[in-house]
C-alpha atoms as a PDB file:
ATOM      1  CA  MET A   1       0.001  -0.036  -0.091  1.00  0.00           C
ATOM      2  CA  SER A   2       1.331   3.611  -0.429  1.00  0.00           C
ATOM      3  CA  ARG A   3       4.012   4.870   1.827  1.00  0.00           C
ATOM      4  CA  ARG A   4       1.699   7.749   2.767  1.00  0.00           C
ATOM      5  CA  GLY A   5      -0.548   5.953   4.552  1.00  0.00           C
ATOM      6  CA  GLU A   6      -4.424   6.414   4.592  1.00  0.00           C
ATOM      7  CA  PHE A   7      -4.512   9.803   5.827  1.00  0.00           C
ATOM      8  CA  GLY A   8      -1.450  10.802   3.639  1.00  0.00           C
ATOM      9  CA  LEU A   9      -3.630   9.453   0.932  1.00  0.00           C
ATOM     10  CA  ILE A  10      -6.659  11.428   1.715  1.00  0.00           C
ATOM     11  CA  ALA A  11      -4.481  14.723   2.555  1.00  0.00           C
ATOM     12  CA  ASP A  12      -2.785  14.394  -0.496  1.00  0.00           C
ATOM     13  CA  LEU A  13      -4.750  13.088  -3.577  1.00  0.00           C
ATOM     14  CA  PHE A  14      -8.183  12.839  -2.560  1.00  0.00           C
ATOM     15  CA  ALA A  15      -8.817  16.288  -0.250  1.00  0.00           C
ATOM     16  CA  PRO A  16      -7.784  18.757  -3.621  1.00  0.00           C
ATOM     17  CA  LEU A  17     -10.980  17.147  -4.543  1.00  0.00           C
ATOM     18  CA  ALA A  18     -13.367  18.392  -2.644  1.00  0.00           C
ATOM     19  CA  SER A  19     -12.094  21.909  -2.767  1.00  0.00           C
ATOM     20  CA  SER A  20     -15.042  23.404  -4.112  1.00  0.00           C
ATOM     21  CA  GLU A  21     -17.608  22.102  -2.103  1.00  0.00           C
ATOM     22  CA  PRO A  22     -17.543  24.005   1.627  1.00  0.00           C
ATOM     23  CA  GLY A  23     -19.740  21.225   3.037  1.00  0.00           C
ATOM     24  CA  ALA A  24     -17.183  18.653   2.352  1.00  0.00           C
ATOM     25  CA  LEU A  25     -15.058  20.062   5.291  1.00  0.00           C
ATOM     26  CA  ALA A  26     -11.817  19.388   3.536  1.00  0.00           C
ATOM     27  CA  LEU A  27     -12.697  15.801   4.133  1.00  0.00           C
ATOM     28  CA  THR A  28     -11.670  16.244   7.834  1.00  0.00           C
ATOM     29  CA  ASP A  29     -14.763  14.644   9.165  1.00  0.00           C
ATOM     30  CA  ASP A  30     -16.317  11.669   8.614  1.00  0.00           C
ATOM     31  CA  ALA A  31     -19.247  12.769   6.978  1.00  0.00           C
ATOM     32  CA  ALA A  32     -20.509  15.771   4.818  1.00  0.00           C
ATOM     33  CA  VAL A  33     -22.937  18.605   5.792  1.00  0.00           C
ATOM     34  CA  LEU A  34     -24.634  19.946   1.861  1.00  0.00           C
ATOM     35  CA  ASP A  35     -26.902  22.844   1.222  1.00  0.00           C
ATOM     36  CA  LEU A  36     -29.554  21.577  -0.917  1.00  0.00           C
ATOM     37  CA  PRO A  37     -31.388  24.664  -2.873  1.00  0.00           C
ATOM     38  CA  ALA A  38     -35.185  25.287  -2.068  1.00  0.00           C
ATOM     39  CA  GLY A  39     -37.492  23.676  -4.550  1.00  0.00           C
ATOM     40  CA  TYR A  40     -34.981  20.618  -5.915  1.00  0.00           C
ATOM     41  CA  GLN A  41     -34.574  16.643  -5.052  1.00  0.00           C
ATOM     42  CA  LEU A  42     -31.639  14.890  -4.487  1.00  0.00           C
ATOM     43  CA  VAL A  43     -30.972  12.088  -6.816  1.00  0.00           C
ATOM     44  CA  THR A  44     -28.733   9.488  -5.335  1.00  0.00           C
ATOM     45  CA  THR A  45     -27.013   6.468  -7.405  1.00  0.00           C
ATOM     46  CA  VAL A  46     -24.114   4.016  -6.395  1.00  0.00           C
ATOM     47  CA  ASP A  47     -22.493   1.965  -8.820  1.00  0.00           C
ATOM     48  CA  ALA A  48     -19.108  -0.257  -8.080  1.00  0.00           C
ATOM     49  CA  ILE A  49     -16.377  -1.288 -10.205  1.00  0.00           C
ATOM     50  CA  VAL A  50     -14.106  -4.549  -9.884  1.00  0.00           C
ATOM     51  CA  ALA A  51     -11.432  -5.157 -11.810  1.00  0.00           C
ATOM     52  CA  GLY A  52     -11.751  -8.465 -14.133  1.00  0.00           C
ATOM     53  CA  VAL A  53     -15.442  -7.154 -14.214  1.00  0.00           C
ATOM     54  CA  HIS A  54     -16.037  -3.832 -15.510  1.00  0.00           C
ATOM     55  CA  PHE A  55     -12.385  -3.181 -16.201  1.00  0.00           C
ATOM     56  CA  LEU A  56      -9.332  -4.667 -17.035  1.00  0.00           C
ATOM     57  CA  PRO A  57      -6.373  -4.857 -14.545  1.00  0.00           C
ATOM     58  CA  ASP A  58      -3.942  -3.548 -16.823  1.00  0.00           C
ATOM     59  CA  ASP A  59      -6.129  -0.572 -18.126  1.00  0.00           C
ATOM     60  CA  PRO A  60      -4.695   2.905 -17.008  1.00  0.00           C
ATOM     61  CA  PRO A  61      -5.236   4.215 -13.695  1.00  0.00           C
ATOM     62  CA  GLU A  62      -6.729   7.374 -15.251  1.00  0.00           C
ATOM     63  CA  THR A  63      -9.015   5.897 -17.028  1.00  0.00           C
ATOM     64  CA  ILE A  64     -10.368   3.319 -14.283  1.00  0.00           C
ATOM     65  CA  ALA A  65     -11.066   6.368 -12.073  1.00  0.00           C
ATOM     66  CA  ARG A  66     -12.774   8.574 -15.286  1.00  0.00           C
ATOM     67  CA  LYS A  67     -15.172   5.139 -15.867  1.00  0.00           C
ATOM     68  CA  LEU A  68     -16.171   5.221 -12.202  1.00  0.00           C
ATOM     69  CA  MET A  69     -17.004   8.775 -12.220  1.00  0.00           C
ATOM     70  CA  ARG A  70     -18.982   8.240 -15.903  1.00  0.00           C
ATOM     71  CA  VAL A  71     -21.188   5.527 -15.060  1.00  0.00           C
ATOM     72  CA  ASN A  72     -22.576   7.105 -12.046  1.00  0.00           C
ATOM     73  CA  LEU A  73     -22.646  10.585 -14.009  1.00  0.00           C
ATOM     74  CA  SER A  74     -24.935   8.517 -16.595  1.00  0.00           C
ATOM     75  CA  ASP A  75     -27.389   7.253 -14.396  1.00  0.00           C
ATOM     76  CA  LEU A  76     -27.825  11.231 -13.040  1.00  0.00           C
ATOM     77  CA  ALA A  77     -28.262  12.013 -16.785  1.00  0.00           C
ATOM     78  CA  ALA A  78     -30.887   9.286 -17.060  1.00  0.00           C
ATOM     79  CA  MET A  79     -32.825  11.339 -14.106  1.00  0.00           C
ATOM     80  CA  GLY A  80     -32.826  14.374 -15.913  1.00  0.00           C
ATOM     81  CA  ALA A  81     -30.676  15.536 -13.129  1.00  0.00           C
ATOM     82  CA  LYS A  82     -27.482  17.971 -12.966  1.00  0.00           C
ATOM     83  CA  PRO A  83     -24.387  17.030 -10.770  1.00  0.00           C
ATOM     84  CA  ARG A  84     -23.912  17.975  -7.197  1.00  0.00           C
ATOM     85  CA  ALA A  85     -21.277  15.846  -5.354  1.00  0.00           C
ATOM     86  CA  ALA A  86     -19.770  12.194  -5.024  1.00  0.00           C
ATOM     87  CA  PHE A  87     -18.698   9.778  -2.041  1.00  0.00           C
ATOM     88  CA  LEU A  88     -15.826   7.965  -3.373  1.00  0.00           C
ATOM     89  CA  THR A  89     -14.579   4.722  -1.745  1.00  0.00           C
ATOM     90  CA  CYS A  90     -11.325   3.045  -2.777  1.00  0.00           C
ATOM     91  CA  ALA A  91     -10.489  -0.629  -1.860  1.00  0.00           C
ATOM     92  CA  PHE A  92      -6.968  -0.585  -3.372  1.00  0.00           C
ATOM     93  CA  PRO A  93      -5.324  -4.209  -3.491  1.00  0.00           C
ATOM     94  CA  LYS A  94      -2.395  -4.470  -1.257  1.00  0.00           C
ATOM     95  CA  GLY A  95       1.094  -3.483  -2.365  1.00  0.00           C
ATOM     96  CA  LEU A  96      -0.102  -0.929  -4.884  1.00  0.00           C
ATOM     97  CA  ASP A  97       2.468   1.401  -5.654  1.00  0.00           C
ATOM     98  CA  ASP A  98       2.216   5.314  -5.172  1.00  0.00           C
ATOM     99  CA  GLN A  99       2.537   6.057  -9.113  1.00  0.00           C
ATOM    100  CA  TRP A 100      -0.627   3.869  -9.812  1.00  0.00           C
ATOM    101  CA  ILE A 101      -2.679   5.707  -6.521  1.00  0.00           C
ATOM    102  CA  GLU A 102      -1.654   9.273  -8.094  1.00  0.00           C
ATOM    103  CA  ALA A 103      -2.158   8.496 -11.450  1.00  0.00           C
ATOM    104  CA  PHE A 104      -5.832   7.334 -10.654  1.00  0.00           C
ATOM    105  CA  ALA A 105      -6.563  10.647  -8.537  1.00  0.00           C
ATOM    106  CA  SER A 106      -5.412  12.537 -11.682  1.00  0.00           C
ATOM    107  CA  GLY A 107      -8.485  11.104 -13.817  1.00  0.00           C
ATOM    108  CA  LEU A 108     -10.382  11.166 -10.998  1.00  0.00           C
ATOM    109  CA  ALA A 109      -9.458  15.104 -10.891  1.00  0.00           C
ATOM    110  CA  ALA A 110      -9.896  15.753 -14.720  1.00  0.00           C
ATOM    111  CA  ASP A 111     -13.694  14.570 -14.839  1.00  0.00           C
ATOM    112  CA  VAL A 112     -14.277  16.278 -11.180  1.00  0.00           C
ATOM    113  CA  ALA A 113     -13.297  19.209 -13.274  1.00  0.00           C
ATOM    114  CA  ALA A 114     -14.803  18.595 -16.422  1.00  0.00           C
ATOM    115  CA  PHE A 115     -18.379  17.618 -14.526  1.00  0.00           C
ATOM    116  CA  ALA A 116     -18.429  20.695 -11.712  1.00  0.00           C
ATOM    117  CA  MET A 117     -18.874  17.091  -9.476  1.00  0.00           C
ATOM    118  CA  PRO A 118     -16.806  17.799  -6.352  1.00  0.00           C
ATOM    119  CA  ILE A 119     -16.078  14.341  -4.225  1.00  0.00           C
ATOM    120  CA  ALA A 120     -17.194  15.249  -0.767  1.00  0.00           C
ATOM    121  CA  GLY A 121     -16.526  12.227   1.261  1.00  0.00           C
ATOM    122  CA  GLY A 122     -15.642   8.662   1.337  1.00  0.00           C
ATOM    123  CA  ASP A 123     -13.251   5.734   2.510  1.00  0.00           C
ATOM    124  CA  THR A 124      -9.786   4.552   1.270  1.00  0.00           C
ATOM    125  CA  VAL A 125      -9.073   1.164   2.317  1.00  0.00           C
ATOM    126  CA  SER A 126      -7.031  -1.704   0.913  1.00  0.00           C
ATOM    127  CA  THR A 127      -7.848  -5.221  -0.118  1.00  0.00           C
ATOM    128  CA  PRO A 128      -6.020  -8.868  -0.707  1.00  0.00           C
ATOM    129  CA  GLY A 129      -8.861  -8.991  -3.080  1.00  0.00           C
ATOM    130  CA  PRO A 130      -9.182  -7.003  -6.838  1.00  0.00           C
ATOM    131  CA  ALA A 131      -9.352  -3.229  -6.818  1.00  0.00           C
ATOM    132  CA  THR A 132     -12.656  -2.186  -5.971  1.00  0.00           C
ATOM    133  CA  PHE A 133     -14.005   1.241  -6.175  1.00  0.00           C
ATOM    134  CA  THR A 134     -17.742   2.557  -5.451  1.00  0.00           C
ATOM    135  CA  LEU A 135     -19.200   6.101  -6.159  1.00  0.00           C
ATOM    136  CA  THR A 136     -22.103   7.719  -4.651  1.00  0.00           C
ATOM    137  CA  ALA A 137     -23.509  10.062  -6.973  1.00  0.00           C
ATOM    138  CA  LEU A 138     -25.804  12.980  -5.837  1.00  0.00           C
ATOM    139  CA  GLY A 139     -28.121  14.977  -8.286  1.00  0.00           C
ATOM    140  CA  LEU A 140     -30.732  17.306  -8.106  1.00  0.00           C
ATOM    141  CA  VAL A 141     -33.758  17.919 -10.294  1.00  0.00           C
ATOM    142  CA  PRO A 142     -36.509  20.251  -9.326  1.00  0.00           C
ATOM    143  CA  ALA A 143     -38.918  18.744  -7.451  1.00  0.00           C
ATOM    144  CA  GLY A 144     -41.431  16.393  -9.481  1.00  0.00           C
ATOM    145  CA  THR A 145     -39.426  16.946 -12.488  1.00  0.00           C
ATOM    146  CA  ALA A 146     -37.046  13.733 -12.142  1.00  0.00           C
ATOM    147  CA  VAL A 147     -37.495  11.299 -15.641  1.00  0.00           C
ATOM    148  CA  LEU A 148     -38.376   7.573 -14.750  1.00  0.00           C
ATOM    149  CA  ARG A 149     -38.010   4.372 -16.399  1.00  0.00           C
ATOM    150  CA  SER A 150     -41.675   3.780 -15.553  1.00  0.00           C
ATOM    151  CA  GLY A 151     -43.212   6.414 -17.530  1.00  0.00           C
ATOM    152  CA  ALA A 152     -43.438   4.681 -21.520  1.00  0.00           C
ATOM    153  CA  ARG A 153     -46.718   4.700 -23.155  1.00  0.00           C
ATOM    154  CA  GLY A 154     -47.995   2.955 -26.056  1.00  0.00           C
ATOM    155  CA  GLY A 155     -47.657   4.997 -29.522  1.00  0.00           C
ATOM    156  CA  ASP A 156     -43.921   6.756 -27.774  1.00  0.00           C
ATOM    157  CA  LEU A 157     -41.114   6.984 -29.986  1.00  0.00           C
ATOM    158  CA  LEU A 158     -38.360   4.730 -28.882  1.00  0.00           C
ATOM    159  CA  ALA A 159     -35.099   6.864 -29.153  1.00  0.00           C
ATOM    160  CA  VAL A 160     -31.232   6.150 -28.081  1.00  0.00           C
ATOM    161  CA  THR A 161     -28.433   9.134 -27.875  1.00  0.00           C
ATOM    162  CA  GLY A 162     -24.718   8.356 -29.699  1.00  0.00           C
ATOM    163  CA  THR A 163     -23.971   5.296 -30.951  1.00  0.00           C
ATOM    164  CA  ILE A 164     -24.386   2.022 -29.981  1.00  0.00           C
ATOM    165  CA  GLY A 165     -22.063  -1.007 -29.334  1.00  0.00           C
ATOM    166  CA  ASP A 166     -18.979   0.680 -28.975  1.00  0.00           C
ATOM    167  CA  GLY A 167     -18.597  -0.345 -25.237  1.00  0.00           C
ATOM    168  CA  ALA A 168     -19.087  -4.385 -26.228  1.00  0.00           C
ATOM    169  CA  LEU A 169     -16.739  -4.063 -29.135  1.00  0.00           C
ATOM    170  CA  GLY A 170     -14.686  -1.823 -27.455  1.00  0.00           C
ATOM    171  CA  LEU A 171     -13.712  -4.335 -24.454  1.00  0.00           C
ATOM    172  CA  LEU A 172     -12.577  -6.763 -27.759  1.00  0.00           C
ATOM    173  CA  ALA A 173     -10.502  -3.948 -28.904  1.00  0.00           C
ATOM    174  CA  ALA A 174      -8.794  -3.384 -25.566  1.00  0.00           C
ATOM    175  CA  ARG A 175      -8.187  -6.945 -24.996  1.00  0.00           C
ATOM    176  CA  GLN A 176      -6.471  -6.974 -28.115  1.00  0.00           C
ATOM    177  CA  ALA A 177      -2.927  -5.815 -27.128  1.00  0.00           C
ATOM    178  CA  ASP A 178      -1.150  -6.019 -30.714  1.00  0.00           C
ATOM    179  CA  GLY A 179      -2.933  -2.935 -32.095  1.00  0.00           C
ATOM    180  CA  SER A 180      -3.543  -4.707 -35.457  1.00  0.00           C
ATOM    181  CA  GLY A 181      -7.097  -2.830 -35.601  1.00  0.00           C
ATOM    182  CA  GLY A 182      -5.361   0.491 -35.942  1.00  0.00           C
ATOM    183  CA  ALA A 183      -7.341   3.643 -35.322  1.00  0.00           C
ATOM    184  CA  HIS A 184     -10.603   1.718 -34.890  1.00  0.00           C
ATOM    185  CA  GLN A 185      -9.501  -0.145 -32.200  1.00  0.00           C
ATOM    186  CA  ALA A 186      -7.933   2.786 -30.546  1.00  0.00           C
ATOM    187  CA  PHE A 187     -11.460   4.733 -30.508  1.00  0.00           C
ATOM    188  CA  LEU A 188     -13.309   1.424 -29.550  1.00  0.00           C
ATOM    189  CA  ALA A 189     -11.261   0.556 -27.077  1.00  0.00           C
ATOM    190  CA  ASP A 190     -11.554   4.522 -25.578  1.00  0.00           C
ATOM    191  CA  ARG A 191     -15.376   4.071 -25.272  1.00  0.00           C
ATOM    192  CA  TYR A 192     -15.019   1.510 -23.236  1.00  0.00           C
ATOM    193  CA  ARG A 193     -12.548   2.524 -20.816  1.00  0.00           C
ATOM    194  CA  VAL A 194     -14.174   6.222 -21.301  1.00  0.00           C
ATOM    195  CA  PRO A 195     -17.624   6.121 -21.780  1.00  0.00           C
ATOM    196  CA  GLN A 196     -19.631   9.731 -22.353  1.00  0.00           C
ATOM    197  CA  PRO A 197     -22.235  10.668 -19.888  1.00  0.00           C
ATOM    198  CA  ARG A 198     -24.945  12.455 -21.940  1.00  0.00           C
ATOM    199  CA  LEU A 199     -25.840  15.472 -19.643  1.00  0.00           C
ATOM    200  CA  ASP A 200     -26.324  17.709 -22.154  1.00  0.00           C
ATOM    201  CA  VAL A 201     -29.014  16.000 -23.588  1.00  0.00           C
ATOM    202  CA  ALA A 202     -30.292  15.260 -20.069  1.00  0.00           C
ATOM    203  CA  ALA A 203     -30.238  19.145 -19.708  1.00  0.00           C
ATOM    204  CA  GLY A 204     -31.953  19.549 -23.128  1.00  0.00           C
ATOM    205  CA  LEU A 205     -34.558  17.441 -23.755  1.00  0.00           C
ATOM    206  CA  ALA A 206     -35.575  15.868 -20.274  1.00  0.00           C
ATOM    207  CA  GLY A 207     -38.635  18.228 -20.112  1.00  0.00           C
ATOM    208  CA  HIS A 208     -40.049  16.311 -23.219  1.00  0.00           C
ATOM    209  CA  MET A 209     -38.883  12.639 -22.585  1.00  0.00           C
ATOM    210  CA  HIS A 210     -41.596  10.164 -20.993  1.00  0.00           C
ATOM    211  CA  ALA A 211     -39.145   7.694 -19.683  1.00  0.00           C
ATOM    212  CA  CYS A 212     -35.563   7.279 -19.845  1.00  0.00           C
ATOM    213  CA  MET A 213     -32.611   4.357 -18.738  1.00  0.00           C
ATOM    214  CA  ASP A 214     -28.946   4.689 -19.424  1.00  0.00           C
ATOM    215  CA  ILE A 215     -27.559   1.694 -21.634  1.00  0.00           C
ATOM    216  CA  SER A 216     -25.357  -0.337 -18.962  1.00  0.00           C
ATOM    217  CA  ASP A 217     -26.213  -4.099 -19.466  1.00  0.00           C
ATOM    218  CA  GLY A 218     -27.239  -4.266 -23.621  1.00  0.00           C
ATOM    219  CA  LEU A 219     -29.752  -2.175 -25.596  1.00  0.00           C
ATOM    220  CA  VAL A 220     -32.255  -4.908 -25.423  1.00  0.00           C
ATOM    221  CA  GLN A 221     -32.137  -5.874 -21.815  1.00  0.00           C
ATOM    222  CA  ASP A 222     -32.327  -2.264 -20.374  1.00  0.00           C
ATOM    223  CA  LEU A 223     -35.295  -2.004 -23.541  1.00  0.00           C
ATOM    224  CA  GLY A 224     -37.059  -4.915 -21.613  1.00  0.00           C
ATOM    225  CA  HIS A 225     -36.255  -3.202 -18.049  1.00  0.00           C
ATOM    226  CA  VAL A 226     -38.331   0.173 -19.314  1.00  0.00           C
ATOM    227  CA  CYS A 227     -40.948  -1.898 -20.746  1.00  0.00           C
ATOM    228  CA  GLU A 228     -41.901  -4.439 -18.020  1.00  0.00           C
ATOM    229  CA  VAL A 229     -42.022  -1.205 -15.406  1.00  0.00           C
ATOM    230  CA  SER A 230     -44.097   0.843 -17.703  1.00  0.00           C
ATOM    231  CA  GLY A 231     -46.212  -1.851 -18.378  1.00  0.00           C
ATOM    232  CA  VAL A 232     -45.669  -1.495 -22.489  1.00  0.00           C
ATOM    233  CA  GLY A 233     -44.048  -3.124 -25.223  1.00  0.00           C
ATOM    234  CA  ALA A 234     -41.864  -2.184 -28.534  1.00  0.00           C
ATOM    235  CA  THR A 235     -40.087  -2.114 -31.552  1.00  0.00           C
ATOM    236  CA  VAL A 236     -36.852  -1.724 -33.018  1.00  0.00           C
ATOM    237  CA  ASP A 237     -35.432  -1.318 -36.533  1.00  0.00           C
ATOM    238  CA  MET A 238     -32.051  -2.756 -36.283  1.00  0.00           C
ATOM    239  CA  ALA A 239     -31.273  -0.729 -39.217  1.00  0.00           C
ATOM    240  CA  ARG A 240     -32.051   2.791 -37.844  1.00  0.00           C
ATOM    241  CA  VAL A 241     -29.883   2.173 -34.734  1.00  0.00           C
ATOM    242  CA  PRO A 242     -26.551   4.171 -34.878  1.00  0.00           C
ATOM    243  CA  LEU A 243     -23.649   2.978 -35.340  1.00  0.00           C
ATOM    244  CA  SER A 244     -19.860   4.633 -35.319  1.00  0.00           C
ATOM    245  CA  ALA A 245     -17.425   4.316 -38.289  1.00  0.00           C
ATOM    246  CA  ALA A 246     -15.315   2.070 -36.016  1.00  0.00           C
ATOM    247  CA  ALA A 247     -18.551  -0.557 -35.047  1.00  0.00           C
ATOM    248  CA  GLN A 248     -19.482  -0.526 -38.817  1.00  0.00           C
ATOM    249  CA  ALA A 249     -15.982  -1.255 -40.306  1.00  0.00           C
ATOM    250  CA  TRP A 250     -15.513  -4.109 -37.383  1.00  0.00           C
ATOM    251  CA  LEU A 251     -19.097  -5.737 -37.896  1.00  0.00           C
ATOM    252  CA  ALA A 252     -18.026  -5.876 -41.747  1.00  0.00           C
ATOM    253  CA  GLU A 253     -14.728  -7.423 -41.285  1.00  0.00           C
ATOM    254  CA  GLY A 254     -16.253  -9.684 -39.080  1.00  0.00           C
ATOM    255  CA  ARG A 255     -14.415  -8.811 -35.947  1.00  0.00           C
ATOM    256  CA  GLY A 256     -17.872  -8.006 -33.869  1.00  0.00           C
ATOM    257  CA  SER A 257     -21.719  -9.493 -34.418  1.00  0.00           C
ATOM    258  CA  TRP A 258     -24.890  -7.393 -34.023  1.00  0.00           C
ATOM    259  CA  GLU A 259     -25.462  -9.687 -31.019  1.00  0.00           C
ATOM    260  CA  GLN A 260     -22.772  -8.107 -29.330  1.00  0.00           C
ATOM    261  CA  ILE A 261     -23.835  -4.593 -30.640  1.00  0.00           C
ATOM    262  CA  MET A 262     -27.378  -5.327 -29.482  1.00  0.00           C
ATOM    263  CA  THR A 263     -26.788  -7.013 -25.763  1.00  0.00           C
ATOM    264  CA  GLY A 264     -23.275  -6.316 -25.157  1.00  0.00           C
ATOM    265  CA  GLY A 265     -23.756  -3.287 -22.724  1.00  0.00           C
ATOM    266  CA  ASP A 266     -21.306  -0.807 -21.711  1.00  0.00           C
ATOM    267  CA  ASP A 267     -22.301   1.930 -24.095  1.00  0.00           C
ATOM    268  CA  TYR A 268     -24.081   4.440 -21.355  1.00  0.00           C
ATOM    269  CA  GLU A 269     -26.026   5.960 -23.501  1.00  0.00           C
ATOM    270  CA  LEU A 270     -29.777   7.013 -22.841  1.00  0.00           C
ATOM    271  CA  LEU A 271     -32.539   4.955 -24.375  1.00  0.00           C
ATOM    272  CA  MET A 272     -35.670   7.243 -23.817  1.00  0.00           C
ATOM    273  CA  ALA A 273     -39.280   7.167 -24.687  1.00  0.00           C
ATOM    274  CA  PHE A 274     -41.351  10.589 -26.212  1.00  0.00           C
ATOM    275  CA  PRO A 275     -44.453  11.285 -27.220  1.00  0.00           C
ATOM    276  CA  ALA A 276     -45.049  11.188 -31.106  1.00  0.00           C
ATOM    277  CA  SER A 277     -45.407  14.608 -30.758  1.00  0.00           C
ATOM    278  CA  ALA A 278     -42.044  15.573 -30.249  1.00  0.00           C
ATOM    279  CA  ALA A 279     -40.380  14.382 -33.174  1.00  0.00           C
ATOM    280  CA  HIS A 280     -39.575  18.551 -34.417  1.00  0.00           C
ATOM    281  CA  ILE A 281     -37.942  18.713 -31.302  1.00  0.00           C
ATOM    282  CA  ILE A 282     -36.133  15.695 -31.442  1.00  0.00           C
ATOM    283  CA  ALA A 283     -35.074  16.921 -34.808  1.00  0.00           C
ATOM    284  CA  ALA A 284     -34.330  20.573 -33.673  1.00  0.00           C
ATOM    285  CA  TRP A 285     -31.811  19.368 -31.304  1.00  0.00           C
ATOM    286  CA  ASN A 286     -29.914  16.889 -33.741  1.00  0.00           C
ATOM    287  CA  ALA A 287     -29.708  20.701 -35.951  1.00  0.00           C
ATOM    288  CA  SER A 288     -28.420  22.389 -33.096  1.00  0.00           C
ATOM    289  CA  GLY A 289     -25.255  20.208 -32.934  1.00  0.00           C
ATOM    290  CA  GLY A 290     -26.177  18.670 -29.716  1.00  0.00           C
ATOM    291  CA  THR A 291     -25.349  14.731 -28.883  1.00  0.00           C
ATOM    292  CA  PRO A 292     -27.568  13.234 -31.624  1.00  0.00           C
ATOM    293  CA  VAL A 293     -30.641  11.297 -30.645  1.00  0.00           C
ATOM    294  CA  THR A 294     -31.982   8.645 -33.225  1.00  0.00           C
ATOM    295  CA  VAL A 295     -35.343   7.363 -33.216  1.00  0.00           C
ATOM    296  CA  ILE A 296     -34.959   3.181 -33.469  1.00  0.00           C
ATOM    297  CA  GLY A 297     -38.241   2.356 -32.738  1.00  0.00           C
ATOM    298  CA  THR A 298     -41.670   2.901 -30.981  1.00  0.00           C
ATOM    299  CA  PHE A 299     -43.432   1.970 -27.798  1.00  0.00           C
ATOM    300  CA  THR A 300     -46.486  -0.198 -28.416  1.00  0.00           C
ATOM    301  CA  GLU A 301     -49.662  -1.119 -26.300  1.00  0.00           C
ATOM    302  CA  GLY A 302     -49.599  -5.005 -25.033  1.00  0.00           C
ATOM    303  CA  THR A 303     -46.091  -6.453 -24.027  1.00  0.00           C
ATOM    304  CA  GLY A 304     -42.895  -7.867 -25.529  1.00  0.00           C
ATOM    305  CA  LEU A 305     -40.179  -6.924 -27.666  1.00  0.00           C
ATOM    306  CA  HIS A 306     -40.223  -7.222 -31.520  1.00  0.00           C
ATOM    307  CA  LEU A 307     -36.756  -6.926 -33.055  1.00  0.00           C
ATOM    308  CA  THR A 308     -36.115  -6.739 -36.965  1.00  0.00           C
ATOM    309  CA  ASP A 309     -32.498  -7.126 -38.297  1.00  0.00           C
ATOM    310  CA  PRO A 310     -31.155  -4.445 -41.207  1.00  0.00           C
ATOM    311  CA  ALA A 311     -32.406  -7.029 -43.694  1.00  0.00           C
ATOM    312  CA  GLY A 312     -36.231  -6.450 -42.365  1.00  0.00           C
ATOM    313  CA  GLN A 313     -36.217 -10.117 -40.808  1.00  0.00           C
ATOM    314  CA  ALA A 314     -37.362 -10.515 -37.316  1.00  0.00           C
ATOM    315  CA  TRP A 315     -34.707 -10.912 -34.982  1.00  0.00           C
ATOM    316  CA  THR A 316     -34.132 -12.803 -31.419  1.00  0.00           C
ATOM    317  CA  PRO A 317     -30.634 -12.627 -29.457  1.00  0.00           C
ATOM    318  CA  VAL A 318     -28.953 -15.188 -27.898  1.00  0.00           C
ATOM    319  CA  ARG A 319     -29.227 -13.594 -24.503  1.00  0.00           C
ATOM    320  CA  THR A 320     -30.898 -10.179 -23.781  1.00  0.00           C
ATOM    321  CA  GLY A 321     -27.540  -8.770 -21.855  1.00  0.00           C
ATOM    322  CA  PHE A 322     -24.952  -8.679 -19.132  1.00  0.00           C
ATOM    323  CA  THR A 323     -26.086 -10.054 -15.858  1.00  0.00           C
ATOM    324  CA  HIS A 324     -23.787 -10.753 -12.851  1.00  0.00           C
ATOM    325  CA  PHE A 325     -25.628 -14.100 -11.679  1.00  0.00           C
END
């Protein structure tokens, strides 16, 4: 473990990440005291990432820290929340050197600044097991405006942000140490290691959404969650699912498959339900240059998912998505 010891690590590397939050008390106490603006509700989410499960053990420590921050920010974005503060728990493997921990803190600092998300507290421990990190993220929404998964209605437009499948293909890319995939491999690996929370879409379009969820465990599986809690079904036209140039190239080269794209997960894009009347709002958003939003299907009355592949044939995945158990 670090030569600094627990309190030295906190003082040197993590207390600076709390400097913009007076309620963090410079991390000198065991709890924070945060002020909340009148008329707002607190949105709280927590995610853990474990070496060998959510990131590769030899991933750069900077990207591990940034992924930890961003998967939580993605949950806030899905509810239309603005970042407020975060609480961090680090379980560093025994024997980890100072340089690795400093790089981890550096990556975290970059995202604290980029997303105005100060670290307001947490815990630092050592572990004989794999590196494990947990972040509890707090966000704010005007009272009564949080976007839930349960609001989708039959006839709603089914839309997604960004591009789908980069996370799953990115895991394959990150595992290939030979660099044979060139620029596409580098792009996809970066998408796996450093996802992009769609906070701009949350800020600009949340008021028009009926429902929203981020895509962490695969588009098919997460769409199923929205349908289940909303009591609706859905149709998806896979020809309309947006793919990056890198994903298209890997598909063409046989390096990836539609199964991976639709069910692999780790995209952290948003899956949204909009009323049909919002089509012009989506078009105006796309024209404004924000993160692209693409309509890929509709929510339907009744239940069940109906997917058609790019050739127009009914398509059923072998599995719906990632599961821990």
